[in-house]
């Protein structure tokens, strides 16, 4: 497996994990962020939709990483 491909997958997975934690409301920063509070008040489903998008991207990259490591 190429080092650049491995690094690409890992960086995207870390960003997605942070996005899942932020938009899921698990981080303290999300609860105090004015932009997050505004989006949540304006469109109550937007944070959950963004969280789901990050979950799907994380799962896709994890599967790609496993495929490249195993085969």
PDB file of N, CA and C in Angstrom:
ATOM      1  N   UNK A   1       0.844  -1.180   0.000  1.00  0.00           N
ATOM      2  CA  UNK A   1       0.000   0.000   0.000  1.00  0.00           C
ATOM      3  C   UNK A   1       0.887   1.240   0.000  1.00  0.00           C
ATOM      4  N   UNK A   2       0.522   2.178  -0.792  1.00  0.00           N
ATOM      5  CA  UNK A   2       1.251   3.425  -0.913  1.00  0.00           C
ATOM      6  C   UNK A   2       1.078   4.257   0.361  1.00  0.00           C
ATOM      7  N   UNK A   3       2.135   4.915   0.785  1.00  0.00           N
ATOM      8  CA  UNK A   3       2.090   5.729   1.999  1.00  0.00           C
ATOM      9  C   UNK A   3       1.130   6.902   1.845  1.00  0.00           C
ATOM     10  N   UNK A   4       1.080   7.484   0.664  1.00  0.00           N
ATOM     11  CA  UNK A   4       0.182   8.618   0.428  1.00  0.00           C
ATOM     12  C   UNK A   4      -1.279   8.194   0.543  1.00  0.00           C
ATOM     13  N   UNK A   5      -1.603   7.015   0.056  1.00  0.00           N
ATOM     14  CA  UNK A   5      -2.974   6.507   0.152  1.00  0.00           C
ATOM     15  C   UNK A   5      -3.351   6.253   1.601  1.00  0.00           C
ATOM     16  N   UNK A   6      -2.425   5.669   2.346  1.00  0.00           N
ATOM     17  CA  UNK A   6      -2.662   5.414   3.765  1.00  0.00           C
ATOM     18  C   UNK A   6      -2.877   6.719   4.523  1.00  0.00           C
ATOM     19  N   UNK A   7      -2.016   7.691   4.271  1.00  0.00           N
ATOM     20  CA  UNK A   7      -2.130   8.989   4.936  1.00  0.00           C
ATOM     21  C   UNK A   7      -3.417   9.701   4.546  1.00  0.00           C
ATOM     22  N   UNK A   8      -3.802   9.602   3.284  1.00  0.00           N
ATOM     23  CA  UNK A   8      -5.045  10.204   2.803  1.00  0.00           C
ATOM     24  C   UNK A   8      -6.244   9.630   3.556  1.00  0.00           C
ATOM     25  N   UNK A   9      -6.296   8.310   3.650  1.00  0.00           N
ATOM     26  CA  UNK A   9      -7.418   7.666   4.355  1.00  0.00           C
ATOM     27  C   UNK A   9      -7.445   8.065   5.825  1.00  0.00           C
ATOM     28  N   UNK A  10      -6.285   8.067   6.465  1.00  0.00           N
ATOM     29  CA  UNK A  10      -6.240   8.370   7.897  1.00  0.00           C
ATOM     30  C   UNK A  10      -6.629   9.817   8.200  1.00  0.00           C
ATOM     31  N   UNK A  11      -6.164  10.749   7.381  1.00  0.00           N
ATOM     32  CA  UNK A  11      -6.504  12.161   7.608  1.00  0.00           C
ATOM     33  C   UNK A  11      -8.002  12.381   7.428  1.00  0.00           C
ATOM     34  N   UNK A  12      -8.570  11.801   6.388  1.00  0.00           N
ATOM     35  CA  UNK A  12     -10.010  11.953   6.160  1.00  0.00           C
ATOM     36  C   UNK A  12     -10.804  11.305   7.286  1.00  0.00           C
ATOM     37  N   UNK A  13     -10.335  10.167   7.784  1.00  0.00           N
ATOM     38  CA  UNK A  13     -11.036   9.498   8.879  1.00  0.00           C
ATOM     39  C   UNK A  13     -10.976  10.320  10.165  1.00  0.00           C
ATOM     40  N   UNK A  14      -9.845  10.969  10.436  1.00  0.00           N
ATOM     41  CA  UNK A  14      -9.728  11.820  11.626  1.00  0.00           C
ATOM     42  C   UNK A  14     -10.662  13.022  11.511  1.00  0.00           C
ATOM     43  N   UNK A  15     -10.701  13.648  10.340  1.00  0.00           N
ATOM     44  CA  UNK A  15     -11.595  14.793  10.130  1.00  0.00           C
ATOM     45  C   UNK A  15     -13.052  14.368  10.275  1.00  0.00           C
ATOM     46  N   UNK A  16     -13.390  13.206   9.745  1.00  0.00           N
ATOM     47  CA  UNK A  16     -14.765  12.709   9.860  1.00  0.00           C
ATOM     48  C   UNK A  16     -15.118  12.381  11.307  1.00  0.00           C
ATOM     49  N   UNK A  17     -14.179  11.815  12.047  1.00  0.00           N
ATOM     50  CA  UNK A  17     -14.437  11.511  13.459  1.00  0.00           C
ATOM     51  C   UNK A  17     -14.690  12.799  14.240  1.00  0.00           C
ATOM     52  N   UNK A  18     -13.921  13.849  13.934  1.00  0.00           N
ATOM     53  CA  UNK A  18     -14.149  15.139  14.585  1.00  0.00           C
ATOM     54  C   UNK A  18     -15.511  15.709  14.190  1.00  0.00           C
ATOM     55  N   UNK A  19     -15.870  15.594  12.912  1.00  0.00           N
ATOM     56  CA  UNK A  19     -17.173  16.074  12.450  1.00  0.00           C
ATOM     57  C   UNK A  19     -18.323  15.328  13.102  1.00  0.00           C
ATOM     58  N   UNK A  20     -18.169  14.019  13.271  1.00  0.00           N
ATOM     59  CA  UNK A  20     -19.203  13.226  13.934  1.00  0.00           C
ATOM     60  C   UNK A  20     -19.367  13.681  15.375  1.00  0.00           C
ATOM     61  N   UNK A  21     -18.247  13.881  16.057  1.00  0.00           N
ATOM     62  CA  UNK A  21     -18.315  14.317  17.455  1.00  0.00           C
ATOM     63  C   UNK A  21     -18.870  15.736  17.574  1.00  0.00           C
ATOM     64  N   UNK A  22     -18.489  16.619  16.648  1.00  0.00           N
ATOM     65  CA  UNK A  22     -18.948  18.007  16.714  1.00  0.00           C
ATOM     66  C   UNK A  22     -20.437  18.115  16.414  1.00  0.00           C
ATOM     67  N   UNK A  23     -20.855  17.567  15.276  1.00  0.00           N
ATOM     68  CA  UNK A  23     -22.252  17.699  14.880  1.00  0.00           C
ATOM     69  C   UNK A  23     -23.173  16.796  15.689  1.00  0.00           C
ATOM     70  N   UNK A  24     -22.611  15.791  16.329  1.00  0.00           N
ATOM     71  CA  UNK A  24     -23.401  14.957  17.228  1.00  0.00           C
ATOM     72  C   UNK A  24     -23.623  15.621  18.580  1.00  0.00           C
ATOM     73  N   UNK A  25     -22.883  16.696  18.843  1.00  0.00           N
ATOM     74  CA  UNK A  25     -23.031  17.418  20.096  1.00  0.00           C
ATOM     75  C   UNK A  25     -22.234  16.826  21.239  1.00  0.00           C
ATOM     76  N   UNK A  26     -21.256  15.979  20.923  1.00  0.00           N
ATOM     77  CA  UNK A  26     -20.457  15.340  21.963  1.00  0.00           C
ATOM     78  C   UNK A  26     -19.307  16.215  22.442  1.00  0.00           C
ATOM     79  N   UNK A  27     -18.954  17.222  21.665  1.00  0.00           N
ATOM     80  CA  UNK A  27     -17.861  18.108  22.043  1.00  0.00           C
ATOM     81  C   UNK A  27     -18.392  19.345  22.758  1.00  0.00           C
ATOM     82  N   UNK A  28     -17.611  19.842  23.700  1.00  0.00           N
ATOM     83  CA  UNK A  28     -17.977  21.052  24.431  1.00  0.00           C
ATOM     84  C   UNK A  28     -18.027  22.256  23.484  1.00  0.00           C
ATOM     85  N   UNK A  29     -17.164  22.246  22.478  1.00  0.00           N
ATOM     86  CA  UNK A  29     -17.117  23.346  21.513  1.00  0.00           C
ATOM     87  C   UNK A  29     -18.418  23.476  20.742  1.00  0.00           C
ATOM     88  N   UNK A  30     -19.072  22.360  20.480  1.00  0.00           N
ATOM     89  CA  UNK A  30     -20.321  22.394  19.714  1.00  0.00           C
ATOM     90  C   UNK A  30     -21.425  23.075  20.507  1.00  0.00           C
ATOM     91  N   UNK A  31     -21.419  22.889  21.800  1.00  0.00           N
ATOM     92  CA  UNK A  31     -22.479  23.466  22.628  1.00  0.00           C
ATOM     93  C   UNK A  31     -22.315  24.966  22.809  1.00  0.00           C
ATOM     94  N   UNK A  32     -21.081  25.467  22.671  1.00  0.00           N
ATOM     95  CA  UNK A  32     -20.833  26.893  22.860  1.00  0.00           C
ATOM     96  C   UNK A  32     -20.627  27.648  21.547  1.00  0.00           C
ATOM     97  N   UNK A  33     -20.626  26.952  20.433  1.00  0.00           N
ATOM     98  CA  UNK A  33     -20.394  27.584  19.136  1.00  0.00           C
ATOM     99  C   UNK A  33     -21.636  28.348  18.679  1.00  0.00           C
ATOM    100  N   UNK A  34     -21.513  29.664  18.429  1.00  0.00           N
ATOM    101  CA  UNK A  34     -22.674  30.436  17.974  1.00  0.00           C
ATOM    102  C   UNK A  34     -23.201  29.959  16.622  1.00  0.00           C
ATOM    103  N   UNK A  35     -22.308  29.572  15.728  1.00  0.00           N
ATOM    104  CA  UNK A  35     -22.744  29.104  14.409  1.00  0.00           C
ATOM    105  C   UNK A  35     -23.525  27.802  14.526  1.00  0.00           C
ATOM    106  N   UNK A  36     -23.060  26.892  15.362  1.00  0.00           N
ATOM    107  CA  UNK A  36     -23.751  25.615  15.540  1.00  0.00           C
ATOM    108  C   UNK A  36     -25.120  25.824  16.177  1.00  0.00           C
ATOM    109  N   UNK A  37     -25.194  26.699  17.161  1.00  0.00           N
ATOM    110  CA  UNK A  37     -26.479  26.988  17.815  1.00  0.00           C
ATOM    111  C   UNK A  37     -27.436  27.627  16.816  1.00  0.00           C
ATOM    112  N   UNK A  38     -26.936  28.529  15.973  1.00  0.00           N
ATOM    113  CA  UNK A  38     -27.784  29.180  14.981  1.00  0.00           C
ATOM    114  C   UNK A  38     -28.330  28.169  13.984  1.00  0.00           C
ATOM    115  N   UNK A  39     -27.454  27.295  13.468  1.00  0.00           N
ATOM    116  CA  UNK A  39     -27.899  26.279  12.504  1.00  0.00           C
ATOM    117  C   UNK A  39     -28.906  25.343  13.157  1.00  0.00           C
ATOM    118  N   UNK A  40     -28.655  24.967  14.395  1.00  0.00           N
ATOM    119  CA  UNK A  40     -29.558  24.056  15.097  1.00  0.00           C
ATOM    120  C   UNK A  40     -30.926  24.700  15.318  1.00  0.00           C
ATOM    121  N   UNK A  41     -30.948  25.989  15.621  1.00  0.00           N
ATOM    122  CA  UNK A  41     -32.222  26.689  15.817  1.00  0.00           C
ATOM    123  C   UNK A  41     -32.940  26.939  14.495  1.00  0.00           C
ATOM    124  N   UNK A  42     -32.187  27.220  13.450  1.00  0.00           N
ATOM    125  CA  UNK A  42     -32.775  27.538  12.152  1.00  0.00           C
ATOM    126  C   UNK A  42     -33.287  26.279  11.446  1.00  0.00           C
ATOM    127  N   UNK A  43     -32.467  25.248  11.414  1.00  0.00           N
ATOM    128  CA  UNK A  43     -32.808  23.975  10.761  1.00  0.00           C
ATOM    129  C   UNK A  43     -32.441  22.857  11.727  1.00  0.00           C
ATOM    130  N   UNK A  44     -33.405  22.372  12.458  1.00  0.00           N
ATOM    131  CA  UNK A  44     -33.121  21.421  13.532  1.00  0.00           C
ATOM    132  C   UNK A  44     -32.554  20.091  13.040  1.00  0.00           C
ATOM    133  N   UNK A  45     -32.800  19.738  11.780  1.00  0.00           N
ATOM    134  CA  UNK A  45     -32.307  18.461  11.261  1.00  0.00           C
ATOM    135  C   UNK A  45     -30.923  18.571  10.619  1.00  0.00           C
ATOM    136  N   UNK A  46     -30.437  19.766  10.379  1.00  0.00           N
ATOM    137  CA  UNK A  46     -29.159  19.951   9.683  1.00  0.00           C
ATOM    138  C   UNK A  46     -27.978  19.302  10.405  1.00  0.00           C
ATOM    139  N   UNK A  47     -27.827  19.454  11.722  1.00  0.00           N
ATOM    140  CA  UNK A  47     -26.688  18.794  12.377  1.00  0.00           C
ATOM    141  C   UNK A  47     -26.726  17.270  12.264  1.00  0.00           C
ATOM    142  N   UNK A  48     -27.897  16.683  12.355  1.00  0.00           N
ATOM    143  CA  UNK A  48     -28.003  15.224  12.237  1.00  0.00           C
ATOM    144  C   UNK A  48     -27.697  14.764  10.811  1.00  0.00           C
ATOM    145  N   UNK A  49     -28.115  15.551   9.824  1.00  0.00           N
ATOM    146  CA  UNK A  49     -27.814  15.206   8.430  1.00  0.00           C
ATOM    147  C   UNK A  49     -26.306  15.278   8.186  1.00  0.00           C
ATOM    148  N   UNK A  50     -25.663  16.330   8.692  1.00  0.00           N
ATOM    149  CA  UNK A  50     -24.212  16.446   8.542  1.00  0.00           C
ATOM    150  C   UNK A  50     -23.492  15.320   9.280  1.00  0.00           C
ATOM    151  N   UNK A  51     -23.998  14.954  10.442  1.00  0.00           N
ATOM    152  CA  UNK A  51     -23.407  13.846  11.191  1.00  0.00           C
ATOM    153  C   UNK A  51     -23.503  12.540  10.392  1.00  0.00           C
ATOM    154  N   UNK A  52     -24.646  12.302   9.769  1.00  0.00           N
ATOM    155  CA  UNK A  52     -24.809  11.093   8.957  1.00  0.00           C
ATOM    156  C   UNK A  52     -23.878  11.086   7.746  1.00  0.00           C
ATOM    157  N   UNK A  53     -23.700  12.250   7.128  1.00  0.00           N
ATOM    158  CA  UNK A  53     -22.777  12.335   5.993  1.00  0.00           C
ATOM    159  C   UNK A  53     -21.364  11.976   6.438  1.00  0.00           C
ATOM    160  N   UNK A  54     -20.941  12.519   7.582  1.00  0.00           N
ATOM    161  CA  UNK A  54     -19.609  12.197   8.094  1.00  0.00           C
ATOM    162  C   UNK A  54     -19.484  10.719   8.453  1.00  0.00           C
ATOM    163  N   UNK A  55     -20.544  10.113   8.965  1.00  0.00           N
ATOM    164  CA  UNK A  55     -20.516   8.684   9.293  1.00  0.00           C
ATOM    165  C   UNK A  55     -20.332   7.855   8.025  1.00  0.00           C
ATOM    166  N   UNK A  56     -21.065   8.188   6.966  1.00  0.00           N
ATOM    167  CA  UNK A  56     -20.938   7.442   5.714  1.00  0.00           C
ATOM    168  C   UNK A  56     -19.550   7.596   5.095  1.00  0.00           C
ATOM    169  N   UNK A  57     -19.011   8.807   5.119  1.00  0.00           N
ATOM    170  CA  UNK A  57     -17.668   9.018   4.565  1.00  0.00           C
ATOM    171  C   UNK A  57     -16.632   8.260   5.398  1.00  0.00           C
ATOM    172  N   UNK A  58     -16.782   8.291   6.723  1.00  0.00           N
ATOM    173  CA  UNK A  58     -15.871   7.561   7.606  1.00  0.00           C
ATOM    174  C   UNK A  58     -15.920   6.063   7.310  1.00  0.00           C
ATOM    175  N   UNK A  59     -17.121   5.524   7.172  1.00  0.00           N
ATOM    176  CA  UNK A  59     -17.270   4.091   6.894  1.00  0.00           C
ATOM    177  C   UNK A  59     -16.679   3.733   5.531  1.00  0.00           C
ATOM    178  N   UNK A  60     -16.886   4.583   4.536  1.00  0.00           N
ATOM    179  CA  UNK A  60     -16.339   4.331   3.201  1.00  0.00           C
ATOM    180  C   UNK A  60     -14.809   4.308   3.236  1.00  0.00           C
ATOM    181  N   UNK A  61     -14.221   5.287   3.907  1.00  0.00           N
ATOM    182  CA  UNK A  61     -12.763   5.351   3.975  1.00  0.00           C
ATOM    183  C   UNK A  61     -12.198   4.210   4.814  1.00  0.00           C
ATOM    184  N   UNK A  62     -12.905   3.800   5.861  1.00  0.00           N
ATOM    185  CA  UNK A  62     -12.450   2.661   6.661  1.00  0.00           C
ATOM    186  C   UNK A  62     -12.470   1.384   5.827  1.00  0.00           C
ATOM    187  N   UNK A  63     -13.507   1.203   5.024  1.00  0.00           N
ATOM    188  CA  UNK A  63     -13.579   0.030   4.152  1.00  0.00           C
ATOM    189  C   UNK A  63     -12.480   0.077   3.096  1.00  0.00           C
ATOM    190  N   UNK A  64     -12.227   1.246   2.547  1.00  0.00           N
ATOM    191  CA  UNK A  64     -11.153   1.397   1.562  1.00  0.00           C
ATOM    192  C   UNK A  64      -9.794   1.093   2.187  1.00  0.00           C
ATOM    193  N   UNK A  65      -9.585   1.562   3.408  1.00  0.00           N
ATOM    194  CA  UNK A  65      -8.330   1.306   4.110  1.00  0.00           C
ATOM    195  C   UNK A  65      -8.147  -0.186   4.365  1.00  0.00           C
ATOM    196  N   UNK A  66      -9.183  -0.850   4.827  1.00  0.00           N
ATOM    197  CA  UNK A  66      -9.103  -2.290   5.072  1.00  0.00           C
ATOM    198  C   UNK A  66      -8.855  -3.065   3.780  1.00  0.00           C
ATOM    199  N   UNK A  67      -9.514  -2.648   2.708  1.00  0.00           N
ATOM    200  CA  UNK A  67      -9.320  -3.313   1.419  1.00  0.00           C
ATOM    201  C   UNK A  67      -7.873  -3.189   0.964  1.00  0.00           C
ATOM    202  N   UNK A  68      -7.310  -2.004   1.117  1.00  0.00           N
ATOM    203  CA  UNK A  68      -5.926  -1.788   0.687  1.00  0.00           C
ATOM    204  C   UNK A  68      -4.924  -2.501   1.588  1.00  0.00           C
ATOM    205  N   UNK A  69      -5.241  -2.628   2.861  1.00  0.00           N
ATOM    206  CA  UNK A  69      -4.322  -3.309   3.768  1.00  0.00           C
ATOM    207  C   UNK A  69      -4.368  -4.824   3.602  1.00  0.00           C
ATOM    208  N   UNK A  70      -5.536  -5.355   3.298  1.00  0.00           N
ATOM    209  CA  UNK A  70      -5.688  -6.804   3.215  1.00  0.00           C
ATOM    210  C   UNK A  70      -5.349  -7.373   1.845  1.00  0.00           C
ATOM    211  N   UNK A  71      -5.549  -6.598   0.785  1.00  0.00           N
ATOM    212  CA  UNK A  71      -5.336  -7.141  -0.559  1.00  0.00           C
ATOM    213  C   UNK A  71      -4.241  -6.433  -1.284  1.00  0.00           C
TER     214      UNK A  71
END
